[in-house]
Amino acid sequence: LRIVEKVREAMPEAAISTDIIVGFPGETEEDF
């Protein structure tokens, strides 16, 4: 999140995308 914040401070118009995995072994409801 700090990287995301720094990128937006430097480039307010930046569009940020990502990859997310759901259900990794041991993932609890709290983790999710």
Full PDB file with SEQRES, HELIX, SHEET, SSBOND, CRYST1, ORIGX, SCALE, CONECT and MASTER records, all heavy atoms in Angstrom:
SEQRES   1 A   32  LEU ARG ILE VAL GLU LYS VAL ARG GLU ALA MET PRO GLU          
SEQRES   2 A   32  ALA ALA ILE SER THR ASP ILE ILE VAL GLY PHE PRO GLY          
SEQRES   3 A   32  GLU THR GLU GLU ASP PHE                                      
HELIX    1 AA1 ARG A    2  ALA A   10  1                                   9    
CRYST1    1.000    1.000    1.000  90.00  90.00  90.00 P 1           1          
ORIGX1      1.000000  0.000000  0.000000        0.00000                         
ORIGX2      0.000000  1.000000  0.000000        0.00000                         
ORIGX3      0.000000  0.000000  1.000000        0.00000                         
SCALE1      1.000000  0.000000  0.000000        0.00000                         
SCALE2      0.000000  1.000000  0.000000        0.00000                         
SCALE3      0.000000  0.000000  1.000000        0.00000                         
ATOM      1  N   LEU A   1       0.819  -1.213   0.000  1.00  0.00           N  
ATOM      2  CA  LEU A   1       0.000   0.000   0.000  1.00  0.00           C  
ATOM      3  C   LEU A   1       0.853   1.263   0.000  1.00  0.00           C  
ATOM      4  O   LEU A   1       0.459   2.279  -0.584  1.00  0.00           O  
ATOM      5  CB  LEU A   1      -0.945  -0.010   1.191  1.00  0.00           C  
ATOM      6  CG  LEU A   1      -2.106  -1.019   1.090  1.00  0.00           C  
ATOM      7  CD1 LEU A   1      -2.836  -1.131   2.419  1.00  0.00           C  
ATOM      8  CD2 LEU A   1      -3.070  -0.638  -0.027  1.00  0.00           C  
ATOM      9  N   ARG A   2       2.026   1.227   0.620  1.00  0.00           N  
ATOM     10  CA  ARG A   2       2.923   2.394   0.585  1.00  0.00           C  
ATOM     11  C   ARG A   2       3.412   2.665  -0.833  1.00  0.00           C  
ATOM     12  O   ARG A   2       3.532   3.815  -1.250  1.00  0.00           O  
ATOM     13  CB  ARG A   2       4.111   2.188   1.524  1.00  0.00           C  
ATOM     14  CG  ARG A   2       3.798   2.452   2.990  1.00  0.00           C  
ATOM     15  CD  ARG A   2       5.066   2.736   3.799  1.00  0.00           C  
ATOM     16  NE  ARG A   2       6.044   1.660   3.687  1.00  0.00           N  
ATOM     17  CZ  ARG A   2       6.087   0.596   4.489  1.00  0.00           C  
ATOM     18  NH1 ARG A   2       5.163   0.460   5.440  1.00  0.00           N  
ATOM     19  NH2 ARG A   2       7.002  -0.328   4.336  1.00  0.00           N  
ATOM     20  N   ILE A   3       3.697   1.594  -1.586  1.00  0.00           N  
ATOM     21  CA  ILE A   3       4.115   1.774  -2.984  1.00  0.00           C  
ATOM     22  C   ILE A   3       2.983   2.401  -3.782  1.00  0.00           C  
ATOM     23  O   ILE A   3       3.194   3.346  -4.559  1.00  0.00           O  
ATOM     24  CB  ILE A   3       4.536   0.426  -3.609  1.00  0.00           C  
ATOM     25  CG1 ILE A   3       5.773  -0.130  -2.906  1.00  0.00           C  
ATOM     26  CG2 ILE A   3       4.819   0.590  -5.103  1.00  0.00           C  
ATOM     27  CD1 ILE A   3       6.113  -1.557  -3.309  1.00  0.00           C  
ATOM     28  N   VAL A   4       1.766   1.887  -3.599  1.00  0.00           N  
ATOM     29  CA  VAL A   4       0.604   2.448  -4.289  1.00  0.00           C  
ATOM     30  C   VAL A   4       0.459   3.932  -3.963  1.00  0.00           C  
ATOM     31  O   VAL A   4       0.224   4.770  -4.851  1.00  0.00           O  
ATOM     32  CB  VAL A   4      -0.675   1.679  -3.899  1.00  0.00           C  
ATOM     33  CG1 VAL A   4      -1.922   2.403  -4.403  1.00  0.00           C  
ATOM     34  CG2 VAL A   4      -0.632   0.256  -4.453  1.00  0.00           C  
ATOM     35  N   GLU A   5       0.616   4.273  -2.688  1.00  0.00           N  
ATOM     36  CA  GLU A   5       0.485   5.673  -2.270  1.00  0.00           C  
ATOM     37  C   GLU A   5       1.560   6.547  -2.910  1.00  0.00           C  
ATOM     38  O   GLU A   5       1.273   7.653  -3.400  1.00  0.00           O  
ATOM     39  CB  GLU A   5       0.590   5.756  -0.744  1.00  0.00           C  
ATOM     40  CG  GLU A   5       0.397   7.150  -0.186  1.00  0.00           C  
ATOM     41  CD  GLU A   5       0.511   7.186   1.326  1.00  0.00           C  
ATOM     42  OE1 GLU A   5       0.760   6.121   1.943  1.00  0.00           O  
ATOM     43  OE2 GLU A   5       0.356   8.282   1.897  1.00  0.00           O  
ATOM     44  N   LYS A   6       2.800   6.063  -2.949  1.00  0.00           N  
ATOM     45  CA  LYS A   6       3.892   6.836  -3.543  1.00  0.00           C  
ATOM     46  C   LYS A   6       3.680   7.035  -5.048  1.00  0.00           C  
ATOM     47  O   LYS A   6       3.957   8.109  -5.588  1.00  0.00           O  
ATOM     48  CB  LYS A   6       5.227   6.137  -3.301  1.00  0.00           C  
ATOM     49  CG  LYS A   6       5.728   6.221  -1.865  1.00  0.00           C  
ATOM     50  CD  LYS A   6       7.063   5.505  -1.724  1.00  0.00           C  
ATOM     51  CE  LYS A   6       7.611   5.603  -0.308  1.00  0.00           C  
ATOM     52  NZ  LYS A   6       8.914   4.903  -0.164  1.00  0.00           N  
ATOM     53  N   VAL A   7       3.203   5.989  -5.718  1.00  0.00           N  
ATOM     54  CA  VAL A   7       2.951   6.097  -7.158  1.00  0.00           C  
ATOM     55  C   VAL A   7       1.879   7.152  -7.419  1.00  0.00           C  
ATOM     56  O   VAL A   7       2.013   7.992  -8.320  1.00  0.00           O  
ATOM     57  CB  VAL A   7       2.531   4.730  -7.746  1.00  0.00           C  
ATOM     58  CG1 VAL A   7       2.003   4.891  -9.166  1.00  0.00           C  
ATOM     59  CG2 VAL A   7       3.710   3.763  -7.724  1.00  0.00           C  
ATOM     60  N   ARG A   8       0.843   7.166  -6.612  1.00  0.00           N  
ATOM     61  CA  ARG A   8      -0.236   8.125  -6.824  1.00  0.00           C  
ATOM     62  C   ARG A   8       0.185   9.540  -6.411  1.00  0.00           C  
ATOM     63  O   ARG A   8      -0.311  10.520  -6.986  1.00  0.00           O  
ATOM     64  CB  ARG A   8      -1.478   7.680  -6.048  1.00  0.00           C  
ATOM     65  CG  ARG A   8      -2.106   6.440  -6.685  1.00  0.00           C  
ATOM     66  CD  ARG A   8      -3.536   6.237  -6.245  1.00  0.00           C  
ATOM     67  NE  ARG A   8      -4.169   5.213  -7.079  1.00  0.00           N  
ATOM     68  CZ  ARG A   8      -4.709   4.096  -6.608  1.00  0.00           C  
ATOM     69  NH1 ARG A   8      -4.702   3.850  -5.307  1.00  0.00           N  
ATOM     70  NH2 ARG A   8      -5.265   3.231  -7.435  1.00  0.00           N  
ATOM     71  N   GLU A   9       1.081   9.668  -5.458  1.00  0.00           N  
ATOM     72  CA  GLU A   9       1.603  10.987  -5.126  1.00  0.00           C  
ATOM     73  C   GLU A   9       2.405  11.551  -6.284  1.00  0.00           C  
ATOM     74  O   GLU A   9       2.329  12.748  -6.594  1.00  0.00           O  
ATOM     75  CB  GLU A   9       2.482  10.910  -3.873  1.00  0.00           C  
ATOM     76  CG  GLU A   9       1.710  10.735  -2.579  1.00  0.00           C  
ATOM     77  CD  GLU A   9       2.632  10.558  -1.383  1.00  0.00           C  
ATOM     78  OE1 GLU A   9       3.864  10.471  -1.597  1.00  0.00           O  
ATOM     79  OE2 GLU A   9       2.127  10.501  -0.245  1.00  0.00           O  
ATOM     80  N   ALA A  10       3.173  10.685  -6.947  1.00  0.00           N  
ATOM     81  CA  ALA A  10       4.001  11.125  -8.073  1.00  0.00           C  
ATOM     82  C   ALA A  10       3.201  11.273  -9.355  1.00  0.00           C  
ATOM     83  O   ALA A  10       3.485  12.141 -10.189  1.00  0.00           O  
ATOM     84  CB  ALA A  10       5.146  10.132  -8.297  1.00  0.00           C  
ATOM     85  N   MET A  11       2.158  10.439  -9.521  1.00  0.00           N  
ATOM     86  CA  MET A  11       1.341  10.427 -10.737  1.00  0.00           C  
ATOM     87  C   MET A  11      -0.115  10.263 -10.328  1.00  0.00           C  
ATOM     88  O   MET A  11      -0.645   9.146 -10.326  1.00  0.00           O  
ATOM     89  CB  MET A  11       1.768   9.278 -11.660  1.00  0.00           C  
ATOM     90  CG  MET A  11       3.151   9.402 -12.231  1.00  0.00           C  
ATOM     91  SD  MET A  11       3.674   7.865 -13.070  1.00  0.00           S  
ATOM     92  CE  MET A  11       3.926   6.799 -11.642  1.00  0.00           C  
ATOM     93  N   PRO A  12      -0.793  11.331  -9.967  1.00  0.00           N  
ATOM     94  CA  PRO A  12      -2.178  11.225  -9.473  1.00  0.00           C  
ATOM     95  C   PRO A  12      -3.126  10.541 -10.451  1.00  0.00           C  
ATOM     96  O   PRO A  12      -4.136   9.954 -10.033  1.00  0.00           O  
ATOM     97  CB  PRO A  12      -2.578  12.689  -9.248  1.00  0.00           C  
ATOM     98  CG  PRO A  12      -1.288  13.421  -9.054  1.00  0.00           C  
ATOM     99  CD  PRO A  12      -0.298  12.722  -9.930  1.00  0.00           C  
ATOM    100  N   GLU A  13      -2.811  10.604 -11.732  1.00  0.00           N  
ATOM    101  CA  GLU A  13      -3.710  10.031 -12.740  1.00  0.00           C  
ATOM    102  C   GLU A  13      -3.429   8.557 -13.013  1.00  0.00           C  
ATOM    103  O   GLU A  13      -4.082   7.927 -13.858  1.00  0.00           O  
ATOM    104  CB  GLU A  13      -3.587  10.812 -14.049  1.00  0.00           C  
ATOM    105  CG  GLU A  13      -2.312  10.562 -14.858  1.00  0.00           C  
ATOM    106  CD  GLU A  13      -1.080  11.329 -14.379  1.00  0.00           C  
ATOM    107  OE1 GLU A  13      -1.035  11.733 -13.197  1.00  0.00           O  
ATOM    108  OE2 GLU A  13      -0.145  11.504 -15.192  1.00  0.00           O  
ATOM    109  N   ALA A  14      -2.469   7.965 -12.309  1.00  0.00           N  
ATOM    110  CA  ALA A  14      -2.062   6.585 -12.600  1.00  0.00           C  
ATOM    111  C   ALA A  14      -3.185   5.601 -12.330  1.00  0.00           C  
ATOM    112  O   ALA A  14      -3.904   5.697 -11.339  1.00  0.00           O  
ATOM    113  CB  ALA A  14      -0.840   6.224 -11.768  1.00  0.00           C  
ATOM    114  N   ALA A  15      -3.332   4.631 -13.224  1.00  0.00           N  
ATOM    115  CA  ALA A  15      -4.252   3.512 -13.034  1.00  0.00           C  
ATOM    116  C   ALA A  15      -3.431   2.310 -12.593  1.00  0.00           C  
ATOM    117  O   ALA A  15      -2.448   1.938 -13.249  1.00  0.00           O  
ATOM    118  CB  ALA A  15      -5.001   3.200 -14.327  1.00  0.00           C  
ATOM    119  N   ILE A  16      -3.828   1.702 -11.487  1.00  0.00           N  
ATOM    120  CA  ILE A  16      -3.070   0.593 -10.910  1.00  0.00           C  
ATOM    121  C   ILE A  16      -3.923  -0.666 -10.957  1.00  0.00           C  
ATOM    122  O   ILE A  16      -5.094  -0.660 -10.587  1.00  0.00           O  
ATOM    123  CB  ILE A  16      -2.652   0.912  -9.461  1.00  0.00           C  
ATOM    124  CG1 ILE A  16      -1.758   2.158  -9.455  1.00  0.00           C  
ATOM    125  CG2 ILE A  16      -1.929  -0.277  -8.826  1.00  0.00           C  
ATOM    126  CD1 ILE A  16      -1.379   2.646  -8.073  1.00  0.00           C  
ATOM    127  N   SER A  17      -3.324  -1.747 -11.432  1.00  0.00           N  
ATOM    128  CA  SER A  17      -4.011  -3.033 -11.503  1.00  0.00           C  
ATOM    129  C   SER A  17      -3.170  -4.084 -10.789  1.00  0.00           C  
ATOM    130  O   SER A  17      -2.021  -3.845 -10.426  1.00  0.00           O  
ATOM    131  CB  SER A  17      -4.255  -3.435 -12.963  1.00  0.00           C  
ATOM    132  OG  SER A  17      -3.041  -3.473 -13.686  1.00  0.00           O  
ATOM    133  N   THR A  18      -3.756  -5.278 -10.610  1.00  0.00           N  
ATOM    134  CA  THR A  18      -3.070  -6.277  -9.792  1.00  0.00           C  
ATOM    135  C   THR A  18      -3.528  -7.684 -10.132  1.00  0.00           C  
ATOM    136  O   THR A  18      -4.452  -7.881 -10.926  1.00  0.00           O  
ATOM    137  CB  THR A  18      -3.325  -5.984  -8.292  1.00  0.00           C  
ATOM    138  OG1 THR A  18      -2.373  -6.703  -7.506  1.00  0.00           O  
ATOM    139  CG2 THR A  18      -4.733  -6.377  -7.885  1.00  0.00           C  
ATOM    140  N   ASP A  19      -2.870  -8.680  -9.506  1.00  0.00           N  
ATOM    141  CA  ASP A  19      -3.282 -10.087  -9.524  1.00  0.00           C  
ATOM    142  C   ASP A  19      -3.592 -10.497  -8.090  1.00  0.00           C  
ATOM    143  O   ASP A  19      -2.871 -10.119  -7.161  1.00  0.00           O  
ATOM    144  CB  ASP A  19      -2.169 -11.008 -10.037  1.00  0.00           C  
ATOM    145  CG  ASP A  19      -1.782 -10.734 -11.476  1.00  0.00           C  
ATOM    146  OD1 ASP A  19      -2.628 -10.251 -12.234  1.00  0.00           O  
ATOM    147  OD2 ASP A  19      -0.615 -11.017 -11.836  1.00  0.00           O  
ATOM    148  N   ILE A  20      -4.631 -11.298  -7.900  1.00  0.00           N  
ATOM    149  CA  ILE A  20      -5.000 -11.781  -6.576  1.00  0.00           C  
ATOM    150  C   ILE A  20      -5.394 -13.255  -6.672  1.00  0.00           C  
ATOM    151  O   ILE A  20      -6.136 -13.650  -7.575  1.00  0.00           O  
ATOM    152  CB  ILE A  20      -6.175 -10.980  -5.977  1.00  0.00           C  
ATOM    153  CG1 ILE A  20      -5.817  -9.503  -5.862  1.00  0.00           C  
ATOM    154  CG2 ILE A  20      -6.567 -11.541  -4.599  1.00  0.00           C  
ATOM    155  CD1 ILE A  20      -6.979  -8.622  -5.447  1.00  0.00           C  
ATOM    156  N   ILE A  21      -4.886 -14.052  -5.722  1.00  0.00           N  
ATOM    157  CA  ILE A  21      -5.244 -15.464  -5.626  1.00  0.00           C  
ATOM    158  C   ILE A  21      -6.183 -15.639  -4.443  1.00  0.00           C  
ATOM    159  O   ILE A  21      -5.915 -15.166  -3.342  1.00  0.00           O  
ATOM    160  CB  ILE A  21      -3.997 -16.346  -5.418  1.00  0.00           C  
ATOM    161  CG1 ILE A  21      -3.028 -16.203  -6.588  1.00  0.00           C  
ATOM    162  CG2 ILE A  21      -4.400 -17.807  -5.246  1.00  0.00           C  
ATOM    163  CD1 ILE A  21      -1.704 -16.911  -6.373  1.00  0.00           C  
ATOM    164  N   VAL A  22      -7.279 -16.341  -4.663  1.00  0.00           N  
ATOM    165  CA  VAL A  22      -8.246 -16.641  -3.607  1.00  0.00           C  
ATOM    166  C   VAL A  22      -8.138 -18.110  -3.232  1.00  0.00           C  
ATOM    167  O   VAL A  22      -8.054 -18.975  -4.106  1.00  0.00           O  
ATOM    168  CB  VAL A  22      -9.684 -16.326  -4.071  1.00  0.00           C  
ATOM    169  CG1 VAL A  22     -10.694 -16.723  -2.999  1.00  0.00           C  
ATOM    170  CG2 VAL A  22      -9.829 -14.859  -4.425  1.00  0.00           C  
ATOM    171  N   GLY A  23      -8.136 -18.404  -1.925  1.00  0.00           N  
ATOM    172  CA  GLY A  23      -8.178 -19.790  -1.482  1.00  0.00           C  
ATOM    173  C   GLY A  23      -6.835 -20.474  -1.394  1.00  0.00           C  
ATOM    174  O   GLY A  23      -6.756 -21.712  -1.491  1.00  0.00           O  
ATOM    175  N   PHE A  24      -5.755 -19.708  -1.205  1.00  0.00           N  
ATOM    176  CA  PHE A  24      -4.443 -20.328  -0.993  1.00  0.00           C  
ATOM    177  C   PHE A  24      -4.525 -21.229   0.239  1.00  0.00           C  
ATOM    178  O   PHE A  24      -5.261 -20.937   1.179  1.00  0.00           O  
ATOM    179  CB  PHE A  24      -3.391 -19.236  -0.802  1.00  0.00           C  
ATOM    180  CG  PHE A  24      -1.986 -19.753  -0.735  1.00  0.00           C  
ATOM    181  CD1 PHE A  24      -1.296 -20.076  -1.878  1.00  0.00           C  
ATOM    182  CD2 PHE A  24      -1.357 -19.939   0.503  1.00  0.00           C  
ATOM    183  CE1 PHE A  24       0.004 -20.562  -1.815  1.00  0.00           C  
ATOM    184  CE2 PHE A  24      -0.066 -20.423   0.574  1.00  0.00           C  
ATOM    185  CZ  PHE A  24       0.620 -20.742  -0.591  1.00  0.00           C  
ATOM    186  N   PRO A  25      -3.772 -22.346   0.264  1.00  0.00           N  
ATOM    187  CA  PRO A  25      -3.856 -23.273   1.398  1.00  0.00           C  
ATOM    188  C   PRO A  25      -3.728 -22.568   2.750  1.00  0.00           C  
ATOM    189  O   PRO A  25      -2.816 -21.774   2.959  1.00  0.00           O  
ATOM    190  CB  PRO A  25      -2.688 -24.229   1.157  1.00  0.00           C  
ATOM    191  CG  PRO A  25      -2.550 -24.249  -0.333  1.00  0.00           C  
ATOM    192  CD  PRO A  25      -2.862 -22.848  -0.776  1.00  0.00           C  
ATOM    193  N   GLY A  26      -4.660 -22.878   3.634  1.00  0.00           N  
ATOM    194  CA  GLY A  26      -4.638 -22.297   4.963  1.00  0.00           C  
ATOM    195  C   GLY A  26      -5.321 -20.955   5.073  1.00  0.00           C  
ATOM    196  O   GLY A  26      -5.426 -20.404   6.184  1.00  0.00           O  
ATOM    197  N   GLU A  27      -5.791 -20.395   3.959  1.00  0.00           N  
ATOM    198  CA  GLU A  27      -6.457 -19.097   4.015  1.00  0.00           C  
ATOM    199  C   GLU A  27      -7.744 -19.210   4.834  1.00  0.00           C  
ATOM    200  O   GLU A  27      -8.614 -20.029   4.532  1.00  0.00           O  
ATOM    201  CB  GLU A  27      -6.788 -18.605   2.610  1.00  0.00           C  
ATOM    202  CG  GLU A  27      -7.474 -17.233   2.587  1.00  0.00           C  
ATOM    203  CD  GLU A  27      -7.997 -16.869   1.203  1.00  0.00           C  
ATOM    204  OE1 GLU A  27      -9.016 -17.468   0.785  1.00  0.00           O  
ATOM    205  OE2 GLU A  27      -7.384 -16.009   0.549  1.00  0.00           O  
ATOM    206  N   THR A  28      -7.850 -18.371   5.871  1.00  0.00           N  
ATOM    207  CA  THR A  28      -9.045 -18.346   6.696  1.00  0.00           C  
ATOM    208  C   THR A  28      -9.968 -17.225   6.242  1.00  0.00           C  
ATOM    209  O   THR A  28      -9.596 -16.388   5.411  1.00  0.00           O  
ATOM    210  CB  THR A  28      -8.675 -18.116   8.163  1.00  0.00           C  
ATOM    211  OG1 THR A  28      -8.090 -16.806   8.292  1.00  0.00           O  
ATOM    212  CG2 THR A  28      -7.694 -19.170   8.658  1.00  0.00           C  
ATOM    213  N   GLU A  29     -11.148 -17.171   6.842  1.00  0.00           N  
ATOM    214  CA  GLU A  29     -12.064 -16.085   6.539  1.00  0.00           C  
ATOM    215  C   GLU A  29     -11.460 -14.751   6.957  1.00  0.00           C  
ATOM    216  O   GLU A  29     -11.639 -13.733   6.274  1.00  0.00           O  
ATOM    217  CB  GLU A  29     -13.408 -16.312   7.236  1.00  0.00           C  
ATOM    218  CG  GLU A  29     -14.456 -15.250   6.941  1.00  0.00           C  
ATOM    219  CD  GLU A  29     -14.832 -15.154   5.464  1.00  0.00           C  
ATOM    220  OE1 GLU A  29     -14.739 -16.176   4.751  1.00  0.00           O  
ATOM    221  OE2 GLU A  29     -15.222 -14.058   5.015  1.00  0.00           O  
ATOM    222  N   GLU A  30     -10.692 -14.764   8.045  1.00  0.00           N  
ATOM    223  CA  GLU A  30     -10.025 -13.535   8.487  1.00  0.00           C  
ATOM    224  C   GLU A  30      -8.960 -13.103   7.483  1.00  0.00           C  
ATOM    225  O   GLU A  30      -8.804 -11.904   7.194  1.00  0.00           O  
ATOM    226  CB  GLU A  30      -9.389 -13.748   9.868  1.00  0.00           C  
ATOM    227  CG  GLU A  30     -10.380 -13.897  11.018  1.00  0.00           C  
ATOM    228  CD  GLU A  30     -11.089 -15.262  11.005  1.00  0.00           C  
ATOM    229  OE1 GLU A  30     -10.549 -16.211  10.390  1.00  0.00           O  
ATOM    230  OE2 GLU A  30     -12.178 -15.357  11.610  1.00  0.00           O  
ATOM    231  N   ASP A  31      -8.207 -14.071   6.940  1.00  0.00           N  
ATOM    232  CA  ASP A  31      -7.211 -13.745   5.910  1.00  0.00           C  
ATOM    233  C   ASP A  31      -7.891 -13.140   4.683  1.00  0.00           C  
ATOM    234  O   ASP A  31      -7.418 -12.139   4.119  1.00  0.00           O  
ATOM    235  CB  ASP A  31      -6.445 -15.008   5.480  1.00  0.00           C  
ATOM    236  CG  ASP A  31      -5.570 -15.564   6.587  1.00  0.00           C  
ATOM    237  OD1 ASP A  31      -4.961 -14.765   7.323  1.00  0.00           O  
ATOM    238  OD2 ASP A  31      -5.503 -16.800   6.700  1.00  0.00           O  
ATOM    239  N   PHE A  32      -8.983 -13.749   4.271  1.00  0.00           N  
ATOM    240  CA  PHE A  32      -9.693 -13.253   3.094  1.00  0.00           C  
ATOM    241  C   PHE A  32     -10.225 -11.851   3.339  1.00  0.00           C  
ATOM    242  O   PHE A  32     -10.208 -11.001   2.440  1.00  0.00           O  
ATOM    243  CB  PHE A  32     -10.830 -14.209   2.720  1.00  0.00           C  
ATOM    244  CG  PHE A  32     -11.613 -13.768   1.521  1.00  0.00           C  
ATOM    245  CD1 PHE A  32     -11.023 -13.710   0.264  1.00  0.00           C  
ATOM    246  CD2 PHE A  32     -12.938 -13.390   1.639  1.00  0.00           C  
ATOM    247  CE1 PHE A  32     -11.742 -13.285  -0.846  1.00  0.00           C  
ATOM    248  CE2 PHE A  32     -13.665 -12.971   0.544  1.00  0.00           C  
ATOM    249  CZ  PHE A  32     -13.072 -12.921  -0.708  1.00  0.00           C  
TER     250      PHE A  32                                                      
MASTER        0    0    0    1    0    0    0    6  249    1    0    3          
END                                                                             
